[in-house]
Protein backbone atom coordinates (compact mmCIF):
# COMPACT_ATOMS: atom_id res chain seq x y z
CA MET A 1 -47.78 37.14 -89.35
CA ARG A 2 -47.01 40.73 -89.15
CA LEU A 3 -46.26 42.08 -92.79
CA LEU A 4 -44.43 45.82 -94.11
CA ASP A 5 -45.89 47.19 -96.82
CA THR A 6 -43.20 47.47 -99.25
CA GLN A 7 -44.60 51.02 -100.18
CA THR A 8 -44.66 53.06 -96.89
CA LYS A 9 -41.98 50.78 -95.37
CA ARG A 10 -44.19 50.55 -92.10
CA LEU A 11 -45.83 47.23 -90.54
CA GLU A 12 -49.37 46.43 -91.51
CA PRO A 13 -51.62 47.25 -88.19
CA ASN A 14 -53.37 43.74 -88.51
CA GLU A 15 -51.83 40.75 -88.52
CA PHE A 16 -52.61 38.31 -91.28
CA HIS A 17 -53.04 34.37 -90.66
CA GLY A 18 -54.35 31.30 -92.65
CA SER A 19 -56.28 32.14 -95.61
CA ARG A 20 -55.83 35.68 -95.36
CA LEU A 21 -52.25 35.97 -95.68
CA PRO A 22 -51.29 37.91 -98.74
CA GLN A 23 -48.37 37.23 -101.27
CA TYR A 24 -44.70 38.34 -100.20
CA ALA A 25 -41.54 38.21 -100.44
CA ILE A 26 -38.84 37.43 -97.63
CA LEU A 27 -35.60 38.61 -95.99
CA SER A 28 -32.56 35.99 -94.92
CA HIS A 29 -30.01 37.23 -93.25
CA THR A 30 -26.85 37.50 -90.98
CA TRP A 31 -27.99 39.96 -87.55
CA GLU A 32 -25.18 42.67 -87.34
CA HIS A 33 -24.88 45.55 -84.79
CA ASP A 34 -28.28 48.26 -85.08
CA GLU A 35 -30.86 46.52 -86.36
CA VAL A 36 -34.27 47.76 -86.47
CA THR A 37 -36.54 46.10 -83.95
CA PHE A 38 -40.14 46.04 -83.82
CA GLU A 39 -40.52 48.59 -80.93
CA ASP A 40 -38.19 50.69 -83.54
CA MET A 41 -41.03 50.18 -86.53
CA GLN A 42 -43.91 52.11 -84.24
CA ASP A 43 -41.48 55.37 -84.43
CA PRO A 44 -40.26 56.11 -88.16
CA ARG A 45 -37.97 58.41 -87.14
CA VAL A 46 -36.25 56.28 -84.75
CA ALA A 47 -36.46 53.33 -87.49
CA ARG A 48 -34.42 55.26 -89.88
CA GLN A 49 -31.78 56.20 -87.75
CA LYS A 50 -30.58 52.57 -87.37
CA GLU A 51 -27.91 51.26 -89.23
CA GLY A 52 -30.18 48.08 -90.20
CA TRP A 53 -32.52 50.92 -91.85
CA SER A 54 -30.49 50.56 -95.22
CA LYS A 55 -31.37 46.47 -94.89
CA ILE A 56 -35.20 46.96 -94.94
CA SER A 57 -35.48 49.53 -97.30
CA GLU A 58 -33.13 47.49 -99.67
CA MET A 59 -35.56 44.62 -99.30
CA CYS A 60 -38.72 46.48 -99.70
CA ALA A 61 -37.28 48.12 -103.04
CA CYS A 62 -36.40 44.66 -104.39
CA ALA A 63 -40.03 43.16 -103.38
CA ARG A 64 -41.44 46.46 -105.30
CA ARG A 65 -39.56 45.76 -108.52
CA ASN A 66 -40.93 41.92 -108.52
CA ARG A 67 -44.45 43.33 -107.92
CA TRP A 68 -44.37 42.28 -104.23
CA ARG A 69 -46.60 44.65 -101.80
CA TYR A 70 -45.78 42.87 -98.77
CA ALA A 71 -42.71 41.77 -97.07
CA TRP A 72 -41.16 39.83 -93.94
CA VAL A 73 -38.11 40.45 -92.09
CA ASP A 74 -37.59 38.89 -88.90
CA THR A 75 -35.65 41.74 -87.36
CA CYS A 76 -38.86 44.02 -87.36
CA CYS A 77 -41.65 41.95 -87.93
CA ILE A 78 -41.90 39.95 -84.53
CA ASP A 79 -42.40 41.50 -81.27
CA LYS A 80 -40.06 39.80 -79.13
CA LYS A 81 -40.99 41.00 -76.07
CA ASN A 82 -44.25 38.98 -76.30
CA SER A 83 -43.00 35.30 -75.70
CA THR A 84 -46.51 34.10 -77.24
CA GLU A 85 -45.84 36.08 -80.44
CA LEU A 86 -42.37 34.50 -80.74
CA ALA A 87 -43.01 31.39 -79.68
CA GLU A 88 -45.38 31.25 -82.58
CA ALA A 89 -42.69 32.89 -84.88
CA ILE A 90 -39.96 30.41 -84.11
CA GLY A 91 -42.37 27.58 -84.41
CA SER A 92 -43.66 28.97 -87.97
CA MET A 93 -40.50 29.81 -89.33
CA TYR A 94 -39.94 27.36 -91.54
CA LYS A 95 -43.69 27.66 -93.04
CA TYR A 96 -42.89 31.61 -93.21
CA TYR A 97 -40.21 30.87 -95.45
CA GLN A 98 -41.77 28.08 -97.49
CA HIS A 99 -44.83 29.97 -98.37
CA ALA A 100 -42.86 33.23 -99.21
CA LYS A 101 -42.81 33.68 -103.06
CA GLN A 102 -39.39 35.10 -103.21
CA CYS A 103 -36.81 35.04 -100.43
CA TYR A 104 -33.79 37.88 -100.97
CA VAL A 105 -30.52 36.38 -99.10
CA TYR A 106 -28.49 39.21 -98.26
CA LEU A 107 -24.84 38.61 -98.19
CA SER A 108 -23.11 41.80 -96.02
CA ASP A 109 -19.58 40.35 -96.15
CA LEU A 110 -19.63 39.43 -99.70
CA PRO A 111 -17.42 42.38 -101.37
CA MET A 112 -18.51 43.92 -105.04
CA GLY A 113 -16.42 42.05 -107.75
CA ALA A 114 -15.53 39.24 -105.72
CA SER A 115 -14.99 35.81 -107.04
CA ILE A 116 -18.02 33.89 -106.34
CA LEU A 117 -16.31 30.35 -106.02
CA GLU A 118 -13.71 31.43 -104.03
CA GLU A 119 -15.28 34.01 -101.83
CA LEU A 120 -18.87 32.46 -101.62
CA PRO A 121 -18.06 29.48 -98.87
CA HIS A 122 -16.80 31.99 -96.49
CA CYS A 123 -19.54 34.55 -96.00
CA LYS A 124 -20.98 34.35 -92.24
CA TRP A 125 -24.58 33.37 -93.85
CA PHE A 126 -23.29 29.78 -94.69
CA SER A 127 -22.15 29.28 -90.90
CA ARG A 128 -25.20 30.54 -88.94
CA GLY A 129 -27.79 27.88 -87.81
CA TRP A 130 -31.25 29.70 -88.60
CA THR A 131 -30.21 30.49 -92.53
CA LEU A 132 -30.14 26.44 -93.16
CA GLN A 133 -34.39 26.24 -93.18
CA GLU A 134 -34.43 29.63 -94.82
CA LEU A 135 -32.23 28.36 -97.90
CA ILE A 136 -34.11 24.58 -97.89
CA ALA A 137 -37.57 26.05 -97.15
CA PRO A 138 -38.43 28.65 -99.73
CA LYS A 139 -38.14 27.52 -104.06
CA ASP A 140 -37.61 31.07 -105.30
CA VAL A 141 -34.30 32.62 -103.54
CA ILE A 142 -32.05 35.13 -105.12
CA PHE A 143 -28.77 36.09 -103.47
CA PHE A 144 -27.46 39.67 -102.86
CA ASN A 145 -24.12 40.86 -102.43
CA GLU A 146 -23.30 43.69 -99.73
CA ALA A 147 -23.70 46.32 -102.35
CA TRP A 148 -27.06 44.74 -102.48
CA ASP A 149 -26.24 43.46 -106.56
CA CYS A 150 -27.45 40.27 -107.19
CA ILE A 151 -25.20 37.53 -107.99
CA GLY A 152 -27.39 34.74 -109.17
CA THR A 153 -30.62 32.71 -107.70
CA LYS A 154 -30.48 29.44 -106.01
CA GLN A 155 -30.79 27.23 -109.18
CA ASP A 156 -28.12 29.25 -111.01
CA LEU A 157 -25.53 29.11 -107.64
CA LEU A 158 -26.43 25.34 -107.25
CA ASP A 159 -23.43 23.23 -107.72
CA THR A 160 -21.55 25.63 -105.35
CA ILE A 161 -23.93 25.98 -102.96
CA SER A 162 -24.73 22.40 -102.75
CA THR A 163 -20.73 21.84 -102.22
CA ILE A 164 -20.59 24.31 -99.35
CA THR A 165 -23.57 23.16 -97.46
CA ARG A 166 -23.59 19.32 -98.03
CA ILE A 167 -27.13 19.56 -98.84
CA PRO A 168 -28.29 17.66 -102.07
CA ALA A 169 -29.27 19.51 -105.27
CA PRO A 170 -32.89 17.70 -105.58
CA LEU A 171 -33.32 18.91 -102.40
CA LEU A 172 -32.16 22.57 -103.16
CA LEU A 173 -34.38 22.46 -106.07
CA HIS A 174 -37.48 20.89 -104.13
CA GLU A 175 -37.47 17.84 -106.46
CA THR A 176 -37.20 16.06 -103.16
CA SER A 177 -38.78 17.48 -99.83
CA VAL A 178 -37.01 16.83 -96.41
CA ALA A 179 -38.82 14.02 -95.42
CA ASP A 180 -36.23 11.96 -98.00
CA TYR A 181 -33.63 12.52 -96.03
CA SER A 182 -32.64 10.92 -92.54
CA VAL A 183 -32.88 12.21 -89.40
CA ALA A 184 -28.66 12.06 -89.14
CA GLN A 185 -28.73 13.31 -92.77
CA ARG A 186 -30.92 16.42 -91.62
CA MET A 187 -28.93 16.89 -88.40
CA SER A 188 -25.30 16.87 -91.02
CA TRP A 189 -26.60 20.12 -92.58
CA ALA A 190 -26.50 21.89 -89.34
CA ALA A 191 -23.40 20.21 -87.70
CA THR A 192 -21.02 23.12 -89.00
CA ARG A 193 -23.26 26.18 -88.04
CA ARG A 194 -23.57 28.00 -85.05
CA THR A 195 -26.15 30.51 -83.38
CA THR A 196 -25.72 33.27 -80.99
CA ARG A 197 -27.91 31.49 -78.19
CA ILE A 198 -27.27 28.01 -77.30
CA GLU A 199 -30.87 27.16 -77.38
CA ASP A 200 -31.53 28.28 -80.65
CA THR A 201 -28.97 25.58 -81.67
CA ALA A 202 -32.05 23.47 -81.46
CA TYR A 203 -35.07 25.77 -81.97
CA CYS A 204 -33.63 26.22 -85.49
CA LEU A 205 -33.97 23.10 -86.47
CA LEU A 206 -38.02 22.54 -85.48
CA GLY A 207 -39.13 23.23 -89.15
CA LEU A 208 -36.76 20.73 -90.51
CA PHE A 209 -37.81 18.32 -88.95
CA GLU A 210 -41.60 18.82 -88.64
CA VAL A 211 -41.67 18.96 -84.84
CA SER A 212 -43.00 21.40 -82.21
CA MET A 213 -42.08 22.37 -78.76
CA TYR A 214 -41.84 24.62 -75.90
CA LEU A 215 -39.65 27.62 -75.84
CA ASN A 216 -37.43 28.03 -72.43
CA TYR A 217 -34.24 30.28 -73.04
CA GLY A 218 -31.47 29.30 -70.51
CA GLU A 219 -32.10 25.75 -70.78
CA GLU A 220 -29.04 25.84 -72.78
CA GLU A 221 -27.95 22.54 -74.50
CA LYS A 222 -30.83 20.82 -72.95
CA ALA A 223 -32.67 22.19 -75.60
CA PHE A 224 -31.00 20.08 -78.27
CA THR A 225 -32.08 17.21 -76.17
CA ARG A 226 -35.46 17.63 -75.88
CA LEU A 227 -35.57 18.18 -79.78
CA GLN A 228 -34.21 14.82 -80.06
CA GLU A 229 -36.58 13.66 -77.65
CA ALA A 230 -39.60 15.57 -80.23
CA ILE A 231 -38.08 13.49 -83.16
CA ILE A 232 -38.57 10.23 -81.35
CA LYS A 233 -42.03 11.00 -80.90
CA SER A 234 -42.97 11.66 -84.05
CA SER A 235 -40.26 9.37 -86.40
CA MET A 236 -39.19 6.03 -86.27
CA ASP A 237 -35.96 6.74 -87.58
CA LEU A 238 -33.32 5.50 -85.87
CA SER A 239 -30.25 7.32 -87.40
CA LEU A 240 -30.59 9.51 -84.50
CA LEU A 241 -28.60 7.29 -82.86
CA VAL A 242 -25.16 7.39 -85.56
CA TRP A 243 -23.66 10.09 -84.10
CA ASN A 244 -19.93 10.37 -83.80
CA THR A 245 -18.29 11.27 -80.56
CA SER A 246 -15.64 13.81 -79.43
CA SER A 247 -12.15 13.39 -77.66
CA LYS A 248 -13.53 14.26 -74.15
CA GLU A 249 -16.57 12.07 -74.75
CA GLN A 250 -14.58 8.97 -75.68
CA ALA A 251 -12.48 9.73 -72.83
CA LYS A 252 -15.25 9.30 -70.47
CA GLY A 253 -16.23 5.75 -71.80
CA VAL A 254 -20.49 5.41 -71.05
CA LEU A 255 -22.62 8.14 -72.69
CA SER A 256 -26.11 9.31 -73.07
CA ILE A 257 -27.81 8.10 -76.09
CA LEU A 258 -28.58 11.32 -77.30
CA ALA A 259 -25.90 14.00 -78.85
CA LEU A 260 -25.19 16.61 -77.31
CA SER A 261 -25.37 18.86 -80.57
CA PRO A 262 -25.64 18.88 -84.16
CA SER A 263 -21.89 18.78 -84.48
CA ARG A 264 -21.89 15.12 -83.44
CA PHE A 265 -23.50 14.38 -86.82
CA LEU A 266 -20.81 15.90 -89.01
CA TYR A 267 -19.90 12.70 -91.18
CA CYS A 268 -23.80 11.28 -91.40
CA SER A 269 -24.37 12.74 -94.63
CA ASP A 270 -24.79 9.40 -95.95
CA VAL A 271 -26.12 7.82 -93.04
CA LYS A 272 -29.66 6.55 -94.37
CA ALA A 273 -33.13 5.21 -92.60
CA LEU A 274 -33.67 1.47 -92.31
CA PRO A 275 -36.82 0.75 -94.01
CA GLN A 276 -40.02 1.02 -91.85
CA THR A 277 -40.73 -2.25 -91.72
CA SER A 278 -38.08 -3.11 -89.66
CA GLU A 279 -39.34 -4.28 -86.44
CA VAL A 280 -38.63 -1.77 -83.54
CA SER A 281 -40.64 0.77 -81.72
CA TRP A 282 -39.36 3.17 -79.11
CA ALA A 283 -40.30 5.97 -76.29
CA VAL A 284 -38.68 8.57 -74.03
CA THR A 285 -39.21 7.80 -70.17
CA ALA A 286 -38.17 8.55 -66.68
CA ARG A 287 -35.77 5.89 -66.96
CA GLY A 288 -34.35 7.08 -70.68
CA LEU A 289 -35.17 5.72 -74.32
CA GLU A 290 -37.13 2.48 -74.35
CA LEU A 291 -36.54 0.65 -77.27
CA GLN A 292 -37.60 -2.53 -78.81
CA GLY A 293 -35.82 -3.80 -81.74
CA ASN A 294 -33.16 -6.49 -83.27
CA LEU A 295 -29.74 -7.16 -81.02
CA LEU A 296 -26.74 -8.45 -82.33
CA MET A 297 -24.54 -10.10 -79.02
CA LEU A 298 -21.17 -8.54 -79.55
CA ARG A 299 -17.96 -9.26 -77.65
CA PRO A 300 -15.34 -5.87 -77.95
CA SER A 301 -11.62 -6.52 -78.22
CA GLU A 302 -11.10 -5.17 -74.85
CA PRO A 303 -12.30 -5.06 -71.30
CA ALA A 304 -15.71 -3.69 -70.95
CA ARG A 305 -18.40 -3.48 -68.26
CA GLY A 306 -20.70 -6.44 -69.13
CA PRO A 307 -22.29 -7.67 -72.21
CA SER A 308 -22.27 -6.21 -75.57
CA PHE A 309 -24.69 -5.74 -78.05
CA GLY A 310 -25.05 -4.18 -81.49
CA LEU A 311 -28.24 -2.07 -82.45
CA LEU A 312 -28.98 -2.37 -86.41
CA ALA A 313 -29.57 1.37 -86.62
CA ALA A 314 -29.42 2.78 -89.98
CA CYS A 315 -27.50 2.00 -93.32
CA TYR A 316 -25.75 3.22 -96.24
CA ASP A 317 -27.05 1.06 -98.81
CA ALA A 318 -28.75 -2.22 -99.33
CA GLU A 319 -25.56 -4.01 -98.10
CA LEU A 320 -23.87 -1.96 -95.76
CA GLN A 321 -25.55 -1.43 -92.22
CA TYR A 322 -24.96 1.03 -89.19
CA PHE A 323 -24.77 -0.88 -86.05
CA VAL A 324 -24.70 1.06 -82.39
CA HIS A 325 -22.83 -0.36 -79.72
CA LEU A 326 -24.72 -0.88 -76.71
CA GLU A 327 -23.04 -2.21 -72.69
CA MET A 328 -25.18 -3.88 -70.53
CA ILE A 329 -25.04 -1.93 -67.09
CA GLY A 330 -27.92 -3.49 -65.52
CA PRO A 331 -30.83 -5.91 -65.71
CA ASN A 332 -32.45 -4.47 -69.53
CA LEU A 333 -30.02 -1.34 -69.38
CA TYR A 334 -27.64 -0.29 -71.48
CA ALA A 335 -25.17 2.77 -71.96
CA ARG A 336 -23.63 3.73 -75.06
CA ASN A 337 -19.83 3.49 -75.13
CA GLY A 338 -17.97 6.61 -76.74
CA ARG A 339 -14.75 4.89 -77.41
CA TYR A 340 -15.87 3.58 -80.97
CA GLU A 341 -17.13 6.18 -84.08
CA PRO A 342 -20.30 5.09 -86.41
CA GLU A 343 -19.07 3.05 -89.78
CA PRO A 344 -21.36 0.63 -92.18
CA LEU A 345 -20.88 -2.63 -91.70
CA ASP A 346 -19.93 -5.25 -94.47
CA VAL A 347 -21.87 -7.77 -92.96
CA ASP A 348 -25.28 -9.97 -94.25
CA ILE A 349 -28.16 -9.44 -91.59
CA ALA A 350 -29.39 -12.68 -92.20
CA GLN A 351 -26.60 -14.69 -91.12
CA LEU A 352 -26.08 -12.74 -88.17
CA THR A 353 -27.73 -14.17 -84.50
CA MET A 354 -30.25 -11.47 -83.24
CA LYS A 355 -31.28 -11.44 -79.84
CA SER A 356 -34.83 -8.78 -79.04
CA LYS A 357 -33.78 -7.04 -75.78
CA PRO A 358 -36.99 -4.67 -74.70
CA SER A 359 -34.93 -1.61 -73.01
CA VAL A 360 -31.91 0.17 -74.38
CA PRO A 361 -31.45 3.75 -72.39
CA SER A 362 -28.24 4.10 -74.32
CA VAL A 363 -25.91 3.32 -77.53
CA ILE A 364 -22.84 3.20 -79.47
CA ALA A 365 -21.82 2.44 -82.96
CA ILE A 366 -18.72 -0.16 -83.59
CA ARG A 367 -15.88 -0.56 -86.62
CA SER A 368 -16.34 -3.10 -89.40
CA SER A 369 -12.42 -3.40 -88.80
CA GLN A 370 -13.10 -4.76 -85.02
CA LEU A 371 -15.69 -7.34 -86.78
CA GLN A 372 -12.75 -9.63 -86.54
CA ASN A 373 -12.12 -13.37 -85.13
CA LEU A 374 -15.54 -12.89 -83.46
CA SER A 375 -16.71 -15.12 -80.34
CA SER A 376 -19.11 -15.18 -77.48
CA TYR A 377 -21.36 -16.88 -75.60
CA TYR A 378 -25.33 -16.79 -75.09
CA LEU A 379 -26.20 -19.28 -71.91
CA GLN A 380 -29.90 -20.02 -71.60
CA ILE A 381 -31.34 -22.91 -69.23
CA ARG A 382 -34.16 -24.32 -69.79
CA THR A 383 -36.04 -25.97 -67.05
CA SER A 384 -38.99 -27.86 -66.62
CA ARG A 385 -41.98 -27.54 -64.31
CA GLU A 386 -40.78 -29.30 -61.32
CA ILE A 387 -37.56 -26.47 -61.45
CA HIS A 388 -36.91 -23.30 -60.89
CA ILE A 389 -34.45 -20.68 -60.75
CA ASN A 390 -34.62 -18.79 -57.65
CA THR A 391 -31.28 -16.75 -57.98
CA ALA A 392 -28.87 -15.97 -60.57
CA ALA A 393 -25.48 -13.82 -60.25
CA PRO A 394 -24.32 -11.73 -61.60
CA ASN A 395 -27.55 -10.39 -61.89
CA ARG A 396 -26.54 -7.79 -64.54
CA PHE A 397 -25.98 -10.25 -67.01
CA TYR A 398 -29.17 -12.14 -66.29
CA ASN A 399 -32.18 -11.67 -67.86
CA ASN A 400 -34.79 -13.24 -65.78
CA THR A 401 -37.43 -13.41 -68.64
CA GLU A 402 -35.70 -15.61 -70.44
CA GLN A 403 -33.36 -17.39 -68.12
CA ALA A 404 -30.01 -16.40 -69.93
CA PHE A 405 -27.17 -14.89 -69.43
CA TYR A 406 -25.81 -12.98 -71.93
CA PHE A 407 -21.78 -12.66 -71.64
CA GLY A 408 -18.52 -12.80 -73.90
CA VAL A 409 -15.17 -14.22 -72.55
CA SER A 410 -11.76 -15.12 -73.75
CA SER A 411 -10.74 -16.80 -70.80
CA SER A 412 -13.03 -17.24 -68.04
CA CYS A 413 -16.03 -16.34 -66.18
CA ILE A 414 -17.99 -17.67 -63.54
CA ILE A 415 -21.88 -17.78 -62.36
CA ALA A 416 -23.89 -18.86 -59.81
CA LEU A 417 -27.13 -20.06 -59.08
CA GLU A 418 -29.30 -21.29 -56.27
CA VAL A 419 -31.69 -24.04 -58.31
CA ILE A 420 -34.49 -25.47 -56.16
CA ILE A 421 -35.74 -28.91 -57.61
CA ARG A 422 -38.35 -30.69 -56.57
CA GLY A 423 -38.76 -28.25 -53.55
CA LYS A 424 -34.74 -29.05 -52.88
CA ILE A 425 -32.37 -25.64 -52.61
CA PHE A 426 -29.11 -26.74 -54.79
CA ASN A 427 -26.31 -24.21 -54.92
CA PHE A 428 -23.94 -24.30 -57.99
CA MET A 429 -21.27 -22.61 -60.56
CA LEU A 430 -20.85 -22.65 -64.06
CA VAL A 431 -17.52 -22.06 -65.15
CA VAL A 432 -16.86 -20.86 -68.70
CA GLU A 433 -13.15 -21.79 -68.98
CA THR A 434 -10.77 -21.00 -72.44
CA GLN A 435 -14.41 -21.18 -74.02
CA GLN A 436 -15.82 -24.41 -72.86
CA LEU A 437 -18.81 -24.85 -70.14
CA LYS A 438 -18.07 -26.81 -66.87
CA LEU A 439 -20.68 -27.08 -64.15
CA HIS A 440 -19.51 -27.44 -60.40
CA PHE A 441 -22.16 -28.09 -57.67
CA SER A 442 -22.12 -27.66 -54.24
CA GLN A 443 -23.49 -30.90 -53.99
CA HIS A 444 -21.98 -34.17 -54.57
CA GLU A 445 -23.24 -36.16 -57.18
CA GLU A 446 -26.59 -34.92 -57.53
CA SER A 447 -28.11 -37.15 -60.32
CA ASP A 448 -30.72 -35.33 -60.70
CA MET A 449 -29.41 -32.00 -61.29
CA ARG A 450 -26.38 -33.28 -63.44
CA LYS A 451 -28.88 -35.00 -65.82
CA PHE A 452 -30.84 -31.98 -66.02
CA PHE A 453 -28.26 -29.53 -67.03
CA ALA A 454 -26.89 -32.13 -69.05
CA GLU A 455 -30.54 -31.89 -71.38
CA SER A 456 -31.05 -28.28 -70.64
CA ILE A 457 -28.12 -26.03 -70.73
CA GLU A 458 -27.38 -24.56 -74.16
CA HIS A 459 -24.48 -22.21 -75.34
CA ASP A 460 -24.07 -20.60 -78.62
CA ASP A 461 -21.08 -19.34 -80.26
CA LEU A 462 -22.23 -16.28 -81.96
CA GLU A 463 -20.64 -13.79 -84.51
CA THR A 464 -19.36 -11.04 -82.32
CA TRP A 465 -15.99 -9.83 -80.82
CA LYS A 466 -13.85 -10.97 -78.39
CA TYR A 467 -14.01 -10.85 -74.62
CA GLN A 468 -11.62 -10.37 -71.67
CA ALA A 469 -13.94 -10.61 -68.54
CA THR A 470 -13.20 -8.08 -65.74
CA HIS A 471 -16.29 -8.61 -63.56
CA LEU A 472 -17.37 -11.56 -61.57
CA ASP A 473 -20.33 -11.60 -58.70
CA LEU A 474 -19.65 -15.07 -57.11
CA TYR A 475 -23.29 -16.39 -55.55
CA THR A 476 -21.71 -17.27 -52.15
CA GLY A 477 -21.71 -15.79 -48.70
CA GLU A 478 -17.68 -17.27 -47.43
CA ARG A 479 -14.64 -15.50 -49.11
CA GLU A 480 -11.66 -17.82 -47.61
CA PRO A 481 -13.13 -21.21 -48.59
CA ILE A 482 -13.49 -20.47 -52.31
CA MET A 483 -10.38 -21.13 -54.24
CA SER A 484 -10.77 -24.48 -52.28
CA TYR A 485 -14.14 -25.27 -53.59
CA LEU A 486 -13.37 -24.65 -57.23
CA GLU A 487 -10.47 -26.82 -56.97
CA ASN A 488 -12.19 -29.96 -55.30
CA SER A 489 -15.10 -29.45 -57.97
CA LEU A 490 -12.75 -28.79 -60.84
CA ARG A 491 -11.01 -32.06 -59.14
CA LYS A 492 -7.45 -29.93 -61.00
CA PRO A 493 -5.57 -27.10 -60.00
CA VAL A 494 -7.62 -23.73 -61.01
CA SER A 495 -5.86 -21.69 -63.65
CA GLN A 496 -4.06 -18.91 -62.95
CA SER A 497 -6.55 -16.66 -64.86
CA VAL A 498 -9.39 -18.02 -62.66
CA GLN A 499 -7.58 -17.30 -59.57
CA LYS A 500 -6.63 -14.18 -60.35
CA SER A 501 -10.05 -12.98 -61.44
CA VAL A 502 -11.60 -14.68 -58.18
CA ARG A 503 -8.85 -13.27 -55.70
CA LYS A 504 -9.52 -9.66 -57.77
CA GLN A 505 -13.16 -9.98 -56.73
CA VAL A 506 -13.06 -10.90 -52.97
CA GLN A 507 -10.63 -8.02 -52.47
CA GLU A 508 -13.65 -5.85 -53.41
């Protein structure tokens, strides 16, 4: 760490590390035109000609009045041409401010005599990404206006600052630590802040989440994705998944599990982490986010791509839980639907039927207002040793390990299977129509099969959404005989809803 001598206003020739680090004051500000750089400081005459020199001079004067021999200013105490030094400084920035004895906040756009209540919220210092950690990390923070007149300390201005930043007062006073707040809450504090470089949107939050990552200027939004992946590796806080969607994302429908920027967490200031006792684990893989946790089977009130599930991800208080909404888009593969925003649900978790799934690469939240008239199906085939399910369709609804279909319908859905019973192959269909399960066989009056399925098929009504089936994969090699086959099996005309679904599938 390089430090300024507040008497000579020159950089100390040697860097300080560890126990050799002396007491120092630190500056927090917004960068302006013509700041003094590390290269400028090598020649005092050049440094003093810069517009930013007055800022350094006033800062050193404040430090001397408080008997601090050393000071640190980000514009001139980092050799930014040295990539290793720059990376170390960015990764250690939170600690730099945390260890400082005093932090001086210079508000260059706060006029002399301005009303604090009226003008302070409009200062650009409160809108910059880097200044978030510079407010939270140091305990002793003093604010100055454009003329370097002291306008108060962090304690003096506590209520105003807490209102502007939405940061809880106990954290600002260091009565609590950042670890006491969920990932979503911490992200919400950065939601309205901006940085000049897109990558710094992520890099300025490293200390707040106590993670590290390599710097790669040029990767733009990918930096924030890597930040979230780093958080996943170091935390079990699922509130990272509870974020809001933009109008463009809502139009896309299926989204990534991870947010594009902190702005998506604007309304997450009250989202709390689940107790650490929750049975959940997650990891970043080449496929996406592999997550093992409790899933509630859902059925949306509008057409969806496949079965829907809800993942308990965060809580509001002891009775309100946040769910994220998953759509199955393949075997053990899910996607987040951007049509919904997260809300706490007034639901007794103990009364909900939960199904554990091994892989969840993508998620979404659901609204409490949509949890009405709930109904869905979980269909499981229990087999003996003599019976083997060879093929099942639609396979994206089918979990081979559990021998179960996860689907929801309000009118109709068709499932096809190839089953081997005592060495003989049987093809049949299951038709779910008007919420009733019926079996239809391609081989007539097979008593063994009828008896087996009468005993082995169970379907559960779960507390979930209504769902109109839109995808039917019929397990058959023929197209023309499909309708007549169904009519013969049913021994009655096929309903219009089933005919429409089948014709659509045949046309496709």
